[in-house]
Amino acid sequence: MIVKLGQFEFRAVLSAQNFGHFDNTVFLNRKIRCIGRDIPGHEEIMQGRVEYLDRVTPGDATNTGTRTDLALRYTATPSDALSWYVYGQGSVDRTGGLARNERF
């Protein structure tokens, strides 16, 4: 299910079987185009994401629990030939045996 609320995108995947476990996942995405540069072909985008995961893995307590992650990505495209981004993600809350989900 995907629902767009203004400039926010809400997506829910409920009870999806994935590699032997069952995931209930809810995402909230937001993309913002940065303003203030009038250079043709130049674009800056800031994206934020909140993800809530509720996972049940029968017989595996280390892969069962809940986790809330926050992510932020900044993308700059200074020209048609060059694009780069910086990305960071961290777990802000978790229960059960799920590991932290942190990437930088």
C-alpha atoms as a PDB file:
ATOM      1  CA  MET A   1       0.000   0.000   0.000  1.00  0.00           C
ATOM      2  CA  ILE A   2       1.387   3.409  -0.972  1.00  0.00           C
ATOM      3  CA  VAL A   3      -0.361   6.622   0.072  1.00  0.00           C
ATOM      4  CA  LYS A   4       0.854  10.113  -0.821  1.00  0.00           C
ATOM      5  CA  LEU A   5      -0.027  12.828   1.669  1.00  0.00           C
ATOM      6  CA  GLY A   6       1.063  16.116   0.164  1.00  0.00           C
ATOM      7  CA  GLN A   7       4.822  15.842  -0.216  1.00  0.00           C
ATOM      8  CA  PHE A   8       5.050  12.808   2.083  1.00  0.00           C
ATOM      9  CA  GLU A   9       4.885   9.215   0.889  1.00  0.00           C
ATOM     10  CA  PHE A  10       3.555   6.548   3.258  1.00  0.00           C
ATOM     11  CA  ARG A  11       4.174   2.903   2.397  1.00  0.00           C
ATOM     12  CA  ALA A  12       3.158  -0.182   4.370  1.00  0.00           C
ATOM     13  CA  VAL A  13       4.126  -3.789   3.687  1.00  0.00           C
ATOM     14  CA  LEU A  14       2.238  -6.047   6.063  1.00  0.00           C
ATOM     15  CA  SER A  15       3.079  -9.707   6.681  1.00  0.00           C
ATOM     16  CA  ALA A  16       5.512 -10.121   3.792  1.00  0.00           C
ATOM     17  CA  GLN A  17       7.442 -13.381   3.991  1.00  0.00           C
ATOM     18  CA  ASN A  18      11.100 -12.679   3.364  1.00  0.00           C
ATOM     19  CA  PHE A  19      13.881 -15.280   3.724  1.00  0.00           C
ATOM     20  CA  GLY A  20      11.975 -17.410   6.266  1.00  0.00           C
ATOM     21  CA  HIS A  21      10.709 -14.585   8.481  1.00  0.00           C
ATOM     22  CA  PHE A  22       7.632 -12.391   8.435  1.00  0.00           C
ATOM     23  CA  ASP A  23       8.034  -8.594   8.224  1.00  0.00           C
ATOM     24  CA  ASN A  24       5.530  -5.834   8.917  1.00  0.00           C
ATOM     25  CA  THR A  25       7.229  -2.675   7.674  1.00  0.00           C
ATOM     26  CA  VAL A  26       6.009   0.926   7.566  1.00  0.00           C
ATOM     27  CA  PHE A  27       7.964   3.681   5.767  1.00  0.00           C
ATOM     28  CA  LEU A  28       7.475   7.441   5.749  1.00  0.00           C
ATOM     29  CA  ASN A  29       9.497   9.206   3.048  1.00  0.00           C
ATOM     30  CA  ARG A  30      10.008  12.899   2.351  1.00  0.00           C
ATOM     31  CA  LYS A  31      11.972  14.438  -0.525  1.00  0.00           C
ATOM     32  CA  ILE A  32      12.859  18.165  -0.576  1.00  0.00           C
ATOM     33  CA  ARG A  33      14.448  20.005  -3.471  1.00  0.00           C
ATOM     34  CA  CYS A  34      16.906  22.535  -2.092  1.00  0.00           C
ATOM     35  CA  ILE A  35      16.381  26.104  -3.280  1.00  0.00           C
ATOM     36  CA  GLY A  36      18.808  28.968  -3.673  1.00  0.00           C
ATOM     37  CA  ARG A  37      20.883  28.016  -6.686  1.00  0.00           C
ATOM     38  CA  ASP A  38      20.039  29.212 -10.180  1.00  0.00           C
ATOM     39  CA  ILE A  39      22.648  27.161 -12.019  1.00  0.00           C
ATOM     40  CA  PRO A  40      21.270  25.274 -15.042  1.00  0.00           C
ATOM     41  CA  GLY A  41      21.585  21.513 -14.531  1.00  0.00           C
ATOM     42  CA  HIS A  42      22.417  21.905 -10.815  1.00  0.00           C
ATOM     43  CA  GLU A  43      20.136  20.106  -8.395  1.00  0.00           C
ATOM     44  CA  GLU A  44      20.221  19.411  -4.658  1.00  0.00           C
ATOM     45  CA  ILE A  45      17.824  16.997  -2.956  1.00  0.00           C
ATOM     46  CA  MET A  46      17.434  16.152   0.735  1.00  0.00           C
ATOM     47  CA  GLN A  47      15.546  12.942   1.539  1.00  0.00           C
ATOM     48  CA  GLY A  48      14.437  11.706   4.946  1.00  0.00           C
ATOM     49  CA  ARG A  49      12.983   8.358   5.893  1.00  0.00           C
ATOM     50  CA  VAL A  50      11.510   6.731   8.979  1.00  0.00           C
ATOM     51  CA  GLU A  51      11.156   2.950   8.948  1.00  0.00           C
ATOM     52  CA  TYR A  52       9.410   0.788  11.538  1.00  0.00           C
ATOM     53  CA  LEU A  53      10.043  -2.966  11.298  1.00  0.00           C
ATOM     54  CA  ASP A  54       8.137  -5.631  13.230  1.00  0.00           C
ATOM     55  CA  ARG A  55       9.756  -8.998  12.419  1.00  0.00           C
ATOM     56  CA  VAL A  56       8.807 -12.514  13.512  1.00  0.00           C
ATOM     57  CA  THR A  57      11.214 -15.344  12.687  1.00  0.00           C
ATOM     58  CA  PRO A  58       9.831 -18.664  13.941  1.00  0.00           C
ATOM     59  CA  GLY A  59      12.450 -20.498  16.035  1.00  0.00           C
ATOM     60  CA  ASP A  60      15.010 -17.630  15.942  1.00  0.00           C
ATOM     61  CA  ALA A  61      14.776 -15.148  18.812  1.00  0.00           C
ATOM     62  CA  THR A  62      17.902 -13.297  17.607  1.00  0.00           C
ATOM     63  CA  ASN A  63      16.042 -12.272  14.423  1.00  0.00           C
ATOM     64  CA  THR A  64      12.678 -11.397  16.029  1.00  0.00           C
ATOM     65  CA  GLY A  65      11.595  -8.027  17.429  1.00  0.00           C
ATOM     66  CA  THR A  66      10.888  -4.434  16.446  1.00  0.00           C
ATOM     67  CA  ARG A  67      13.155  -1.628  15.255  1.00  0.00           C
ATOM     68  CA  THR A  68      12.727   2.026  14.275  1.00  0.00           C
ATOM     69  CA  ASP A  69      15.333   3.499  11.924  1.00  0.00           C
ATOM     70  CA  LEU A  70      15.908   7.066  10.726  1.00  0.00           C
ATOM     71  CA  ALA A  71      17.760   7.823   7.481  1.00  0.00           C
ATOM     72  CA  LEU A  72      18.895  10.995   5.748  1.00  0.00           C
ATOM     73  CA  ARG A  73      20.346  11.369   2.247  1.00  0.00           C
ATOM     74  CA  TYR A  74      21.688  14.523   0.584  1.00  0.00           C
ATOM     75  CA  THR A  75      22.238  14.324  -3.179  1.00  0.00           C
ATOM     76  CA  ALA A  76      24.010  17.001  -5.220  1.00  0.00           C
ATOM     77  CA  THR A  77      24.111  17.071  -9.007  1.00  0.00           C
ATOM     78  CA  PRO A  78      26.382  19.969  -9.955  1.00  0.00           C
ATOM     79  CA  SER A  79      26.314  19.044 -13.651  1.00  0.00           C
ATOM     80  CA  ASP A  80      24.943  16.470 -16.058  1.00  0.00           C
ATOM     81  CA  ALA A  81      28.245  14.580 -15.788  1.00  0.00           C
ATOM     82  CA  LEU A  82      28.579  14.477 -11.973  1.00  0.00           C
ATOM     83  CA  SER A  83      26.331  13.446  -9.108  1.00  0.00           C
ATOM     84  CA  TRP A  84      27.268  12.554  -5.523  1.00  0.00           C
ATOM     85  CA  TYR A  85      25.486  11.803  -2.254  1.00  0.00           C
ATOM     86  CA  VAL A  86      25.998  11.413   1.486  1.00  0.00           C
ATOM     87  CA  TYR A  87      23.852   8.887   3.380  1.00  0.00           C
ATOM     88  CA  GLY A  88      23.409   8.052   7.040  1.00  0.00           C
ATOM     89  CA  GLN A  89      21.036   5.681   8.806  1.00  0.00           C
ATOM     90  CA  GLY A  90      20.690   4.748  12.454  1.00  0.00           C
ATOM     91  CA  SER A  91      18.439   2.744  14.725  1.00  0.00           C
ATOM     92  CA  VAL A  92      16.721   4.903  17.330  1.00  0.00           C
ATOM     93  CA  ASP A  93      14.705   2.175  19.073  1.00  0.00           C
ATOM     94  CA  ARG A  94      14.668  -1.630  19.079  1.00  0.00           C
ATOM     95  CA  THR A  95      13.266  -4.552  21.050  1.00  0.00           C
ATOM     96  CA  GLY A  96      13.944  -8.279  20.979  1.00  0.00           C
ATOM     97  CA  GLY A  97      16.953  -9.728  19.226  1.00  0.00           C
ATOM     98  CA  LEU A  98      17.073  -7.544  16.103  1.00  0.00           C
ATOM     99  CA  ALA A  99      20.478  -5.966  15.525  1.00  0.00           C
ATOM    100  CA  ARG A 100      20.978  -2.236  15.033  1.00  0.00           C
ATOM    101  CA  ASN A 101      20.756  -1.134  11.395  1.00  0.00           C
ATOM    102  CA  GLU A 102      23.346   1.621  11.067  1.00  0.00           C
ATOM    103  CA  ARG A 103      25.037   2.660   7.841  1.00  0.00           C
ATOM    104  CA  PHE A 104      27.123   5.697   6.970  1.00  0.00           C
END
